[in-house]
Amino acid sequence: IADKLFISPNTVRTHVNNIYKKLHLNSRSQVMNLAYKNKWI
């Protein structure tokens, strides 16, 4: 993701942590379920 968006891996990690925190989820599968459910992708 960092290579694709031209940012550092640490920045990606920070954003991912923020995503988990904001959505109150704690696993990739839960985030994916919510993303598919709301047609975010």
PDB file of all heavy atoms in Angstrom:
ATOM      1  N   ILE A   1       0.844  -1.206   0.000  1.00  0.00           N
ATOM      2  CA  ILE A   1       0.000   0.000   0.000  1.00  0.00           C
ATOM      3  C   ILE A   1       0.873   1.247   0.000  1.00  0.00           C
ATOM      4  O   ILE A   1       0.591   2.220  -0.709  1.00  0.00           O
ATOM      5  CB  ILE A   1      -0.944  -0.004   1.220  1.00  0.00           C
ATOM      6  CG1 ILE A   1      -1.913  -1.185   1.139  1.00  0.00           C
ATOM      7  CG2 ILE A   1      -1.717   1.315   1.313  1.00  0.00           C
ATOM      8  CD1 ILE A   1      -2.755  -1.377   2.383  1.00  0.00           C
ATOM      9  N   ALA A   2       1.946   1.212   0.782  1.00  0.00           N
ATOM     10  CA  ALA A   2       2.857   2.359   0.849  1.00  0.00           C
ATOM     11  C   ALA A   2       3.453   2.651  -0.523  1.00  0.00           C
ATOM     12  O   ALA A   2       3.509   3.813  -0.951  1.00  0.00           O
ATOM     13  CB  ALA A   2       3.965   2.080   1.863  1.00  0.00           C
ATOM     14  N   ASP A   3       3.897   1.623  -1.231  1.00  0.00           N
ATOM     15  CA  ASP A   3       4.469   1.806  -2.569  1.00  0.00           C
ATOM     16  C   ASP A   3       3.426   2.361  -3.539  1.00  0.00           C
ATOM     17  O   ASP A   3       3.735   3.233  -4.371  1.00  0.00           O
ATOM     18  CB  ASP A   3       5.007   0.475  -3.099  1.00  0.00           C
ATOM     19  CG  ASP A   3       6.253   0.016  -2.352  1.00  0.00           C
ATOM     20  OD1 ASP A   3       6.891   0.868  -1.694  1.00  0.00           O
ATOM     21  OD2 ASP A   3       6.570  -1.178  -2.423  1.00  0.00           O
ATOM     22  N   LYS A   4       2.215   1.871  -3.429  1.00  0.00           N
ATOM     23  CA  LYS A   4       1.162   2.280  -4.354  1.00  0.00           C
ATOM     24  C   LYS A   4       0.737   3.729  -4.132  1.00  0.00           C
ATOM     25  O   LYS A   4       0.431   4.454  -5.083  1.00  0.00           O
ATOM     26  CB  LYS A   4      -0.040   1.354  -4.190  1.00  0.00           C
ATOM     27  CG  LYS A   4      -1.135   1.550  -5.234  1.00  0.00           C
ATOM     28  CD  LYS A   4      -2.194   0.457  -5.127  1.00  0.00           C
ATOM     29  CE  LYS A   4      -3.225   0.621  -6.240  1.00  0.00           C
ATOM     30  NZ  LYS A   4      -4.252  -0.452  -6.175  1.00  0.00           N
ATOM     31  N   LEU A   5       0.720   4.154  -2.862  1.00  0.00           N
ATOM     32  CA  LEU A   5       0.234   5.506  -2.533  1.00  0.00           C
ATOM     33  C   LEU A   5       1.366   6.506  -2.288  1.00  0.00           C
ATOM     34  O   LEU A   5       1.101   7.655  -1.936  1.00  0.00           O
ATOM     35  CB  LEU A   5      -0.672   5.438  -1.296  1.00  0.00           C
ATOM     36  CG  LEU A   5      -1.920   4.544  -1.412  1.00  0.00           C
ATOM     37  CD1 LEU A   5      -2.746   4.608  -0.131  1.00  0.00           C
ATOM     38  CD2 LEU A   5      -2.769   4.943  -2.615  1.00  0.00           C
ATOM     39  N   PHE A   6       2.615   6.031  -2.446  1.00  0.00           N
ATOM     40  CA  PHE A   6       3.789   6.901  -2.289  1.00  0.00           C
ATOM     41  C   PHE A   6       3.879   7.502  -0.881  1.00  0.00           C
ATOM     42  O   PHE A   6       4.106   8.705  -0.707  1.00  0.00           O
ATOM     43  CB  PHE A   6       3.786   8.013  -3.353  1.00  0.00           C
ATOM     44  CG  PHE A   6       3.725   7.503  -4.755  1.00  0.00           C
ATOM     45  CD1 PHE A   6       2.535   7.555  -5.476  1.00  0.00           C
ATOM     46  CD2 PHE A   6       4.847   6.953  -5.357  1.00  0.00           C
ATOM     47  CE1 PHE A   6       2.464   7.070  -6.779  1.00  0.00           C
ATOM     48  CE2 PHE A   6       4.802   6.464  -6.670  1.00  0.00           C
ATOM     49  CZ  PHE A   6       3.613   6.519  -7.376  1.00  0.00           C
ATOM     50  N   ILE A   7       3.632   6.662   0.108  1.00  0.00           N
ATOM     51  CA  ILE A   7       3.793   7.069   1.501  1.00  0.00           C
ATOM     52  C   ILE A   7       4.602   5.977   2.210  1.00  0.00           C
ATOM     53  O   ILE A   7       4.865   4.915   1.635  1.00  0.00           O
ATOM     54  CB  ILE A   7       2.431   7.268   2.209  1.00  0.00           C
ATOM     55  CG1 ILE A   7       1.575   5.993   2.100  1.00  0.00           C
ATOM     56  CG2 ILE A   7       1.692   8.459   1.633  1.00  0.00           C
ATOM     57  CD1 ILE A   7       0.216   6.094   2.780  1.00  0.00           C
ATOM     58  N   SER A   8       4.994   6.222   3.441  1.00  0.00           N
ATOM     59  CA  SER A   8       5.820   5.251   4.155  1.00  0.00           C
ATOM     60  C   SER A   8       4.952   4.152   4.771  1.00  0.00           C
ATOM     61  O   SER A   8       3.769   4.376   5.079  1.00  0.00           O
ATOM     62  CB  SER A   8       6.603   5.944   5.269  1.00  0.00           C
ATOM     63  OG  SER A   8       5.744   6.294   6.336  1.00  0.00           O
ATOM     64  N   PRO A   9       5.530   2.951   4.973  1.00  0.00           N
ATOM     65  CA  PRO A   9       4.788   1.873   5.635  1.00  0.00           C
ATOM     66  C   PRO A   9       4.304   2.268   7.029  1.00  0.00           C
ATOM     67  O   PRO A   9       3.224   1.849   7.456  1.00  0.00           O
ATOM     68  CB  PRO A   9       5.808   0.733   5.708  1.00  0.00           C
ATOM     69  CG  PRO A   9       6.732   0.993   4.562  1.00  0.00           C
ATOM     70  CD  PRO A   9       6.841   2.490   4.485  1.00  0.00           C
ATOM     71  N   ASN A  10       5.098   3.080   7.737  1.00  0.00           N
ATOM     72  CA  ASN A  10       4.679   3.527   9.064  1.00  0.00           C
ATOM     73  C   ASN A  10       3.432   4.398   8.994  1.00  0.00           C
ATOM     74  O   ASN A  10       2.557   4.331   9.871  1.00  0.00           O
ATOM     75  CB  ASN A  10       5.807   4.299   9.758  1.00  0.00           C
ATOM     76  CG  ASN A  10       6.882   3.369  10.291  1.00  0.00           C
ATOM     77  OD1 ASN A  10       6.628   2.189  10.532  1.00  0.00           O
ATOM     78  ND2 ASN A  10       8.080   3.908  10.482  1.00  0.00           N
ATOM     79  N   THR A  11       3.357   5.220   7.946  1.00  0.00           N
ATOM     80  CA  THR A  11       2.167   6.058   7.756  1.00  0.00           C
ATOM     81  C   THR A  11       0.952   5.190   7.477  1.00  0.00           C
ATOM     82  O   THR A  11      -0.143   5.435   7.998  1.00  0.00           O
ATOM     83  CB  THR A  11       2.381   7.047   6.602  1.00  0.00           C
ATOM     84  OG1 THR A  11       3.476   7.902   6.906  1.00  0.00           O
ATOM     85  CG2 THR A  11       1.137   7.901   6.380  1.00  0.00           C
ATOM     86  N   VAL A  12       1.141   4.170   6.646  1.00  0.00           N
ATOM     87  CA  VAL A  12       0.051   3.232   6.368  1.00  0.00           C
ATOM     88  C   VAL A  12      -0.399   2.552   7.651  1.00  0.00           C
ATOM     89  O   VAL A  12      -1.596   2.455   7.939  1.00  0.00           O
ATOM     90  CB  VAL A  12       0.492   2.161   5.344  1.00  0.00           C
ATOM     91  CG1 VAL A  12      -0.616   1.104   5.181  1.00  0.00           C
ATOM     92  CG2 VAL A  12       0.808   2.806   4.007  1.00  0.00           C
ATOM     93  N   ARG A  13       0.563   2.111   8.446  1.00  0.00           N
ATOM     94  CA  ARG A  13       0.246   1.425   9.701  1.00  0.00           C
ATOM     95  C   ARG A  13      -0.551   2.339  10.636  1.00  0.00           C
ATOM     96  O   ARG A  13      -1.507   1.903  11.286  1.00  0.00           O
ATOM     97  CB  ARG A  13       1.548   0.968  10.371  1.00  0.00           C
ATOM     98  CG  ARG A  13       1.333   0.081  11.588  1.00  0.00           C
ATOM     99  CD  ARG A  13       2.652  -0.500  12.087  1.00  0.00           C
ATOM    100  NE  ARG A  13       3.206  -1.462  11.135  1.00  0.00           N
ATOM    101  CZ  ARG A  13       4.246  -1.223  10.337  1.00  0.00           C
ATOM    102  NH1 ARG A  13       4.858  -0.043  10.383  1.00  0.00           N
ATOM    103  NH2 ARG A  13       4.692  -2.142   9.515  1.00  0.00           N
ATOM    104  N   THR A  14      -0.155   3.606  10.692  1.00  0.00           N
ATOM    105  CA  THR A  14      -0.870   4.574  11.534  1.00  0.00           C
ATOM    106  C   THR A  14      -2.308   4.737  11.060  1.00  0.00           C
ATOM    107  O   THR A  14      -3.248   4.747  11.865  1.00  0.00           O
ATOM    108  CB  THR A  14      -0.160   5.936  11.509  1.00  0.00           C
ATOM    109  OG1 THR A  14       1.147   5.789  12.070  1.00  0.00           O
ATOM    110  CG2 THR A  14      -0.937   6.965  12.333  1.00  0.00           C
ATOM    111  N   HIS A  15      -2.483   4.861   9.734  1.00  0.00           N
ATOM    112  CA  HIS A  15      -3.834   5.001   9.190  1.00  0.00           C
ATOM    113  C   HIS A  15      -4.681   3.753   9.471  1.00  0.00           C
ATOM    114  O   HIS A  15      -5.856   3.859   9.831  1.00  0.00           O
ATOM    115  CB  HIS A  15      -3.778   5.255   7.680  1.00  0.00           C
ATOM    116  CG  HIS A  15      -3.447   6.666   7.307  1.00  0.00           C
ATOM    117  ND1 HIS A  15      -4.190   7.743   7.737  1.00  0.00           N
ATOM    118  CD2 HIS A  15      -2.454   7.179   6.535  1.00  0.00           C
ATOM    119  CE1 HIS A  15      -3.673   8.866   7.247  1.00  0.00           C
ATOM    120  NE2 HIS A  15      -2.618   8.547   6.516  1.00  0.00           N
ATOM    121  N   VAL A  16      -4.085   2.592   9.302  1.00  0.00           N
ATOM    122  CA  VAL A  16      -4.813   1.344   9.550  1.00  0.00           C
ATOM    123  C   VAL A  16      -5.243   1.253  11.016  1.00  0.00           C
ATOM    124  O   VAL A  16      -6.373   0.872  11.320  1.00  0.00           O
ATOM    125  CB  VAL A  16      -3.958   0.123   9.164  1.00  0.00           C
ATOM    126  CG1 VAL A  16      -4.616  -1.171   9.647  1.00  0.00           C
ATOM    127  CG2 VAL A  16      -3.760   0.077   7.654  1.00  0.00           C
ATOM    128  N   ASN A  17      -4.347   1.616  11.912  1.00  0.00           N
ATOM    129  CA  ASN A  17      -4.694   1.616  13.342  1.00  0.00           C
ATOM    130  C   ASN A  17      -5.839   2.573  13.628  1.00  0.00           C
ATOM    131  O   ASN A  17      -6.740   2.281  14.433  1.00  0.00           O
ATOM    132  CB  ASN A  17      -3.478   1.986  14.185  1.00  0.00           C
ATOM    133  CG  ASN A  17      -2.427   0.887  14.223  1.00  0.00           C
ATOM    134  OD1 ASN A  17      -2.734  -0.278  13.975  1.00  0.00           O
ATOM    135  ND2 ASN A  17      -1.192   1.251  14.519  1.00  0.00           N
ATOM    136  N   ASN A  18      -5.816   3.733  12.970  1.00  0.00           N
ATOM    137  CA  ASN A  18      -6.886   4.708  13.144  1.00  0.00           C
ATOM    138  C   ASN A  18      -8.212   4.180  12.598  1.00  0.00           C
ATOM    139  O   ASN A  18      -9.283   4.425  13.176  1.00  0.00           O
ATOM    140  CB  ASN A  18      -6.536   6.028  12.457  1.00  0.00           C
ATOM    141  CG  ASN A  18      -5.466   6.801  13.204  1.00  0.00           C
ATOM    142  OD1 ASN A  18      -5.254   6.604  14.399  1.00  0.00           O
ATOM    143  ND2 ASN A  18      -4.768   7.677  12.503  1.00  0.00           N
ATOM    144  N   ILE A  19      -8.140   3.468  11.476  1.00  0.00           N
ATOM    145  CA  ILE A  19      -9.347   2.881  10.883  1.00  0.00           C
ATOM    146  C   ILE A  19      -9.974   1.885  11.858  1.00  0.00           C
ATOM    147  O   ILE A  19     -11.179   1.924  12.126  1.00  0.00           O
ATOM    148  CB  ILE A  19      -9.010   2.190   9.548  1.00  0.00           C
ATOM    149  CG1 ILE A  19      -8.670   3.237   8.481  1.00  0.00           C
ATOM    150  CG2 ILE A  19     -10.178   1.320   9.075  1.00  0.00           C
ATOM    151  CD1 ILE A  19      -8.077   2.660   7.220  1.00  0.00           C
ATOM    152  N   TYR A  20      -9.140   1.000  12.411  1.00  0.00           N
ATOM    153  CA  TYR A  20      -9.639   0.012  13.368  1.00  0.00           C
ATOM    154  C   TYR A  20     -10.267   0.706  14.578  1.00  0.00           C
ATOM    155  O   TYR A  20     -11.325   0.310  15.062  1.00  0.00           O
ATOM    156  CB  TYR A  20      -8.501  -0.895  13.833  1.00  0.00           C
ATOM    157  CG  TYR A  20      -8.187  -2.031  12.900  1.00  0.00           C
ATOM    158  CD1 TYR A  20      -8.026  -1.820  11.532  1.00  0.00           C
ATOM    159  CD2 TYR A  20      -8.020  -3.319  13.362  1.00  0.00           C
ATOM    160  CE1 TYR A  20      -7.719  -2.853  10.669  1.00  0.00           C
ATOM    161  CE2 TYR A  20      -7.715  -4.372  12.506  1.00  0.00           C
ATOM    162  CZ  TYR A  20      -7.564  -4.128  11.157  1.00  0.00           C
ATOM    163  OH  TYR A  20      -7.267  -5.164  10.317  1.00  0.00           O
ATOM    164  N   LYS A  21      -9.587   1.752  15.052  1.00  0.00           N
ATOM    165  CA  LYS A  21     -10.069   2.459  16.236  1.00  0.00           C
ATOM    166  C   LYS A  21     -11.392   3.157  15.956  1.00  0.00           C
ATOM    167  O   LYS A  21     -12.335   3.085  16.758  1.00  0.00           O
ATOM    168  CB  LYS A  21      -9.022   3.477  16.699  1.00  0.00           C
ATOM    169  CG  LYS A  21      -9.404   4.228  17.958  1.00  0.00           C
ATOM    170  CD  LYS A  21      -8.293   5.172  18.398  1.00  0.00           C
ATOM    171  CE  LYS A  21      -8.691   5.936  19.659  1.00  0.00           C
ATOM    172  NZ  LYS A  21      -7.620   6.871  20.098  1.00  0.00           N
ATOM    173  N   LYS A  22     -11.484   3.855  14.816  1.00  0.00           N
ATOM    174  CA  LYS A  22     -12.701   4.597  14.487  1.00  0.00           C
ATOM    175  C   LYS A  22     -13.891   3.664  14.277  1.00  0.00           C
ATOM    176  O   LYS A  22     -15.024   4.006  14.631  1.00  0.00           O
ATOM    177  CB  LYS A  22     -12.477   5.447  13.234  1.00  0.00           C
ATOM    178  CG  LYS A  22     -11.637   6.690  13.462  1.00  0.00           C
ATOM    179  CD  LYS A  22     -11.583   7.527  12.191  1.00  0.00           C
ATOM    180  CE  LYS A  22     -10.808   8.823  12.405  1.00  0.00           C
ATOM    181  NZ  LYS A  22     -10.798   9.664  11.185  1.00  0.00           N
ATOM    182  N   LEU A  23     -13.639   2.519  13.674  1.00  0.00           N
ATOM    183  CA  LEU A  23     -14.725   1.589  13.389  1.00  0.00           C
ATOM    184  C   LEU A  23     -15.011   0.648  14.560  1.00  0.00           C
ATOM    185  O   LEU A  23     -15.945  -0.139  14.507  1.00  0.00           O
ATOM    186  CB  LEU A  23     -14.394   0.765  12.138  1.00  0.00           C
ATOM    187  CG  LEU A  23     -14.229   1.556  10.842  1.00  0.00           C
ATOM    188  CD1 LEU A  23     -13.906   0.622   9.687  1.00  0.00           C
ATOM    189  CD2 LEU A  23     -15.466   2.387  10.530  1.00  0.00           C
ATOM    190  N   HIS A  24     -14.180   0.714  15.597  1.00  0.00           N
ATOM    191  CA  HIS A  24     -14.336  -0.131  16.783  1.00  0.00           C
ATOM    192  C   HIS A  24     -14.305  -1.615  16.406  1.00  0.00           C
ATOM    193  O   HIS A  24     -15.063  -2.423  16.949  1.00  0.00           O
ATOM    194  CB  HIS A  24     -15.629   0.214  17.525  1.00  0.00           C
ATOM    195  CG  HIS A  24     -15.584   1.559  18.180  1.00  0.00           C
ATOM    196  ND1 HIS A  24     -15.056   1.758  19.436  1.00  0.00           N
ATOM    197  CD2 HIS A  24     -15.962   2.781  17.734  1.00  0.00           C
ATOM    198  CE1 HIS A  24     -15.127   3.051  19.744  1.00  0.00           C
ATOM    199  NE2 HIS A  24     -15.662   3.681  18.727  1.00  0.00           N
ATOM    200  N   LEU A  25     -13.413  -1.946  15.488  1.00  0.00           N
ATOM    201  CA  LEU A  25     -13.218  -3.329  15.076  1.00  0.00           C
ATOM    202  C   LEU A  25     -11.778  -3.716  15.376  1.00  0.00           C
ATOM    203  O   LEU A  25     -10.913  -2.855  15.536  1.00  0.00           O
ATOM    204  CB  LEU A  25     -13.525  -3.489  13.584  1.00  0.00           C
ATOM    205  CG  LEU A  25     -14.952  -3.085  13.160  1.00  0.00           C
ATOM    206  CD1 LEU A  25     -15.118  -3.179  11.663  1.00  0.00           C
ATOM    207  CD2 LEU A  25     -15.999  -3.955  13.874  1.00  0.00           C
ATOM    208  N   ASN A  26     -11.518  -5.023  15.433  1.00  0.00           N
ATOM    209  CA  ASN A  26     -10.167  -5.426  15.824  1.00  0.00           C
ATOM    210  C   ASN A  26      -9.572  -6.532  14.962  1.00  0.00           C
ATOM    211  O   ASN A  26      -8.612  -7.182  15.369  1.00  0.00           O
ATOM    212  CB  ASN A  26     -10.128  -5.854  17.300  1.00  0.00           C
ATOM    213  CG  ASN A  26     -11.185  -6.888  17.627  1.00  0.00           C
ATOM    214  OD1 ASN A  26     -11.665  -7.585  16.744  1.00  0.00           O
ATOM    215  ND2 ASN A  26     -11.553  -6.976  18.900  1.00  0.00           N
ATOM    216  N   SER A  27     -10.134  -6.750  13.772  1.00  0.00           N
ATOM    217  CA  SER A  27      -9.545  -7.738  12.879  1.00  0.00           C
ATOM    218  C   SER A  27      -9.800  -7.344  11.432  1.00  0.00           C
ATOM    219  O   SER A  27     -10.774  -6.631  11.129  1.00  0.00           O
ATOM    220  CB  SER A  27     -10.126  -9.131  13.138  1.00  0.00           C
ATOM    221  OG  SER A  27     -11.454  -9.221  12.682  1.00  0.00           O
ATOM    222  N   ARG A  28      -8.933  -7.822  10.552  1.00  0.00           N
ATOM    223  CA  ARG A  28      -9.089  -7.539   9.123  1.00  0.00           C
ATOM    224  C   ARG A  28     -10.423  -8.084   8.607  1.00  0.00           C
ATOM    225  O   ARG A  28     -11.102  -7.438   7.802  1.00  0.00           O
ATOM    226  CB  ARG A  28      -7.935  -8.155   8.335  1.00  0.00           C
ATOM    227  CG  ARG A  28      -8.028  -7.940   6.827  1.00  0.00           C
ATOM    228  CD  ARG A  28      -6.961  -8.738   6.108  1.00  0.00           C
ATOM    229  NE  ARG A  28      -5.652  -8.132   6.281  1.00  0.00           N
ATOM    230  CZ  ARG A  28      -5.051  -7.378   5.362  1.00  0.00           C
ATOM    231  NH1 ARG A  28      -5.655  -7.135   4.225  1.00  0.00           N
ATOM    232  NH2 ARG A  28      -3.858  -6.883   5.585  1.00  0.00           N
ATOM    233  N   SER A  29     -10.811  -9.273   9.076  1.00  0.00           N
ATOM    234  CA  SER A  29     -12.054  -9.875   8.591  1.00  0.00           C
ATOM    235  C   SER A  29     -13.268  -9.025   8.966  1.00  0.00           C
ATOM    236  O   SER A  29     -14.202  -8.875   8.166  1.00  0.00           O
ATOM    237  CB  SER A  29     -12.210 -11.296   9.145  1.00  0.00           C
ATOM    238  OG  SER A  29     -12.308 -11.290  10.554  1.00  0.00           O
ATOM    239  N   GLN A  30     -13.258  -8.452  10.179  1.00  0.00           N
ATOM    240  CA  GLN A  30     -14.369  -7.600  10.589  1.00  0.00           C
ATOM    241  C   GLN A  30     -14.434  -6.344   9.735  1.00  0.00           C
ATOM    242  O   GLN A  30     -15.507  -5.909   9.312  1.00  0.00           O
ATOM    243  CB  GLN A  30     -14.226  -7.228  12.068  1.00  0.00           C
ATOM    244  CG  GLN A  30     -14.460  -8.380  13.025  1.00  0.00           C
ATOM    245  CD  GLN A  30     -14.231  -7.989  14.474  1.00  0.00           C
ATOM    246  OE1 GLN A  30     -13.669  -6.951  14.772  1.00  0.00           O
ATOM    247  NE2 GLN A  30     -14.653  -8.847  15.392  1.00  0.00           N
ATOM    248  N   VAL A  31     -13.266  -5.752   9.466  1.00  0.00           N
ATOM    249  CA  VAL A  31     -13.214  -4.558   8.624  1.00  0.00           C
ATOM    250  C   VAL A  31     -13.696  -4.887   7.214  1.00  0.00           C
ATOM    251  O   VAL A  31     -14.441  -4.114   6.599  1.00  0.00           O
ATOM    252  CB  VAL A  31     -11.784  -3.984   8.588  1.00  0.00           C
ATOM    253  CG1 VAL A  31     -11.673  -2.885   7.546  1.00  0.00           C
ATOM    254  CG2 VAL A  31     -11.395  -3.436   9.962  1.00  0.00           C
ATOM    255  N   MET A  32     -13.286  -6.025   6.698  1.00  0.00           N
ATOM    256  CA  MET A  32     -13.709  -6.431   5.356  1.00  0.00           C
ATOM    257  C   MET A  32     -15.216  -6.641   5.301  1.00  0.00           C
ATOM    258  O   MET A  32     -15.873  -6.245   4.334  1.00  0.00           O
ATOM    259  CB  MET A  32     -12.967  -7.701   4.935  1.00  0.00           C
ATOM    260  CG  MET A  32     -11.491  -7.485   4.660  1.00  0.00           C
ATOM    261  SD  MET A  32     -10.606  -9.010   4.247  1.00  0.00           S
ATOM    262  CE  MET A  32     -11.363  -9.411   2.662  1.00  0.00           C
ATOM    263  N   ASN A  33     -15.769  -7.263   6.336  1.00  0.00           N
ATOM    264  CA  ASN A  33     -17.224  -7.471   6.382  1.00  0.00           C
ATOM    265  C   ASN A  33     -17.967  -6.147   6.348  1.00  0.00           C
ATOM    266  O   ASN A  33     -18.970  -5.996   5.644  1.00  0.00           O
ATOM    267  CB  ASN A  33     -17.605  -8.250   7.640  1.00  0.00           C
ATOM    268  CG  ASN A  33     -17.256  -9.717   7.552  1.00  0.00           C
ATOM    269  OD1 ASN A  33     -17.076 -10.248   6.460  1.00  0.00           O
ATOM    270  ND2 ASN A  33     -17.142 -10.381   8.692  1.00  0.00           N
ATOM    271  N   LEU A  34     -17.486  -5.180   7.121  1.00  0.00           N
ATOM    272  CA  LEU A  34     -18.133  -3.874   7.153  1.00  0.00           C
ATOM    273  C   LEU A  34     -17.984  -3.162   5.812  1.00  0.00           C
ATOM    274  O   LEU A  34     -18.924  -2.527   5.327  1.00  0.00           O
ATOM    275  CB  LEU A  34     -17.536  -3.013   8.273  1.00  0.00           C
ATOM    276  CG  LEU A  34     -18.241  -1.674   8.528  1.00  0.00           C
ATOM    277  CD1 LEU A  34     -19.680  -1.900   8.968  1.00  0.00           C
ATOM    278  CD2 LEU A  34     -17.493  -0.860   9.573  1.00  0.00           C
ATOM    279  N   ALA A  35     -16.827  -3.279   5.193  1.00  0.00           N
ATOM    280  CA  ALA A  35     -16.576  -2.640   3.902  1.00  0.00           C
ATOM    281  C   ALA A  35     -17.495  -3.207   2.823  1.00  0.00           C
ATOM    282  O   ALA A  35     -18.093  -2.460   2.041  1.00  0.00           O
ATOM    283  CB  ALA A  35     -15.115  -2.824   3.504  1.00  0.00           C
ATOM    284  N   TYR A  36     -17.621  -4.532   2.782  1.00  0.00           N
ATOM    285  CA  TYR A  36     -18.510  -5.154   1.799  1.00  0.00           C
ATOM    286  C   TYR A  36     -19.975  -4.810   2.088  1.00  0.00           C
ATOM    287  O   TYR A  36     -20.757  -4.547   1.174  1.00  0.00           O
ATOM    288  CB  TYR A  36     -18.332  -6.671   1.803  1.00  0.00           C
ATOM    289  CG  TYR A  36     -17.107  -7.149   1.066  1.00  0.00           C
ATOM    290  CD1 TYR A  36     -16.059  -7.783   1.732  1.00  0.00           C
ATOM    291  CD2 TYR A  36     -16.976  -6.952  -0.316  1.00  0.00           C
ATOM    292  CE1 TYR A  36     -14.926  -8.209   1.055  1.00  0.00           C
ATOM    293  CE2 TYR A  36     -15.845  -7.374  -0.998  1.00  0.00           C
ATOM    294  CZ  TYR A  36     -14.822  -8.006  -0.308  1.00  0.00           C
ATOM    295  OH  TYR A  36     -13.696  -8.424  -0.977  1.00  0.00           O
ATOM    296  N   LYS A  37     -20.316  -4.812   3.360  1.00  0.00           N
ATOM    297  CA  LYS A  37     -21.687  -4.527   3.771  1.00  0.00           C
ATOM    298  C   LYS A  37     -22.134  -3.147   3.314  1.00  0.00           C
ATOM    299  O   LYS A  37     -23.282  -2.953   2.887  1.00  0.00           O
ATOM    300  CB  LYS A  37     -21.778  -4.632   5.297  1.00  0.00           C
ATOM    301  CG  LYS A  37     -23.122  -4.314   5.904  1.00  0.00           C
ATOM    302  CD  LYS A  37     -23.016  -4.466   7.419  1.00  0.00           C
ATOM    303  CE  LYS A  37     -24.321  -4.130   8.111  1.00  0.00           C
ATOM    304  NZ  LYS A  37     -24.210  -4.276   9.583  1.00  0.00           N
ATOM    305  N   ASN A  38     -21.221  -2.185   3.372  1.00  0.00           N
ATOM    306  CA  ASN A  38     -21.564  -0.812   3.025  1.00  0.00           C
ATOM    307  C   ASN A  38     -21.108  -0.399   1.637  1.00  0.00           C
ATOM    308  O   ASN A  38     -21.153   0.778   1.291  1.00  0.00           O
ATOM    309  CB  ASN A  38     -20.977   0.141   4.076  1.00  0.00           C
ATOM    310  CG  ASN A  38     -21.661   0.000   5.413  1.00  0.00           C
ATOM    311  OD1 ASN A  38     -22.789   0.431   5.592  1.00  0.00           O
ATOM    312  ND2 ASN A  38     -20.992  -0.663   6.356  1.00  0.00           N
ATOM    313  N   LYS A  39     -20.638  -1.416   0.856  1.00  0.00           N
ATOM    314  CA  LYS A  39     -20.250  -1.166  -0.532  1.00  0.00           C
ATOM    315  C   LYS A  39     -19.186  -0.069  -0.630  1.00  0.00           C
ATOM    316  O   LYS A  39     -19.269   0.835  -1.463  1.00  0.00           O
ATOM    317  CB  LYS A  39     -21.479  -0.800  -1.391  1.00  0.00           C
ATOM    318  CG  LYS A  39     -22.490  -1.936  -1.499  1.00  0.00           C
ATOM    319  CD  LYS A  39     -23.647  -1.539  -2.396  1.00  0.00           C
ATOM    320  CE  LYS A  39     -24.563  -2.724  -2.648  1.00  0.00           C
ATOM    321  NZ  LYS A  39     -25.200  -3.241  -1.447  1.00  0.00           N
ATOM    322  N   TRP A  40     -18.181  -0.146   0.254  1.00  0.00           N
ATOM    323  CA  TRP A  40     -17.094   0.813   0.223  1.00  0.00           C
ATOM    324  C   TRP A  40     -16.080   0.483  -0.857  1.00  0.00           C
ATOM    325  O   TRP A  40     -15.183   1.257  -1.116  1.00  0.00           O
ATOM    326  CB  TRP A  40     -16.384   0.843   1.577  1.00  0.00           C
ATOM    327  CG  TRP A  40     -17.225   1.463   2.651  1.00  0.00           C
ATOM    328  CD1 TRP A  40     -18.398   2.118   2.507  1.00  0.00           C
ATOM    329  CD2 TRP A  40     -16.950   1.447   4.053  1.00  0.00           C
ATOM    330  NE1 TRP A  40     -18.873   2.530   3.722  1.00  0.00           N
ATOM    331  CE2 TRP A  40     -18.007   2.145   4.691  1.00  0.00           C
ATOM    332  CE3 TRP A  40     -15.906   0.947   4.827  1.00  0.00           C
ATOM    333  CZ2 TRP A  40     -18.047   2.324   6.063  1.00  0.00           C
ATOM    334  CZ3 TRP A  40     -15.959   1.126   6.201  1.00  0.00           C
ATOM    335  CH2 TRP A  40     -17.022   1.818   6.800  1.00  0.00           C
ATOM    336  N   ILE A  41     -16.190  -0.724  -1.428  1.00  0.00           N
ATOM    337  CA  ILE A  41     -15.231  -1.136  -2.447  1.00  0.00           C
ATOM    338  C   ILE A  41     -15.970  -1.580  -3.699  1.00  0.00           C
ATOM    339  O   ILE A  41     -17.170  -1.818  -3.665  1.00  0.00           O
ATOM    340  CB  ILE A  41     -14.336  -2.297  -1.942  1.00  0.00           C
ATOM    341  CG1 ILE A  41     -15.234  -3.471  -1.496  1.00  0.00           C
ATOM    342  CG2 ILE A  41     -13.471  -1.843  -0.796  1.00  0.00           C
ATOM    343  CD1 ILE A  41     -14.435  -4.697  -1.151  1.00  0.00           C
TER     344      ILE A  41
END
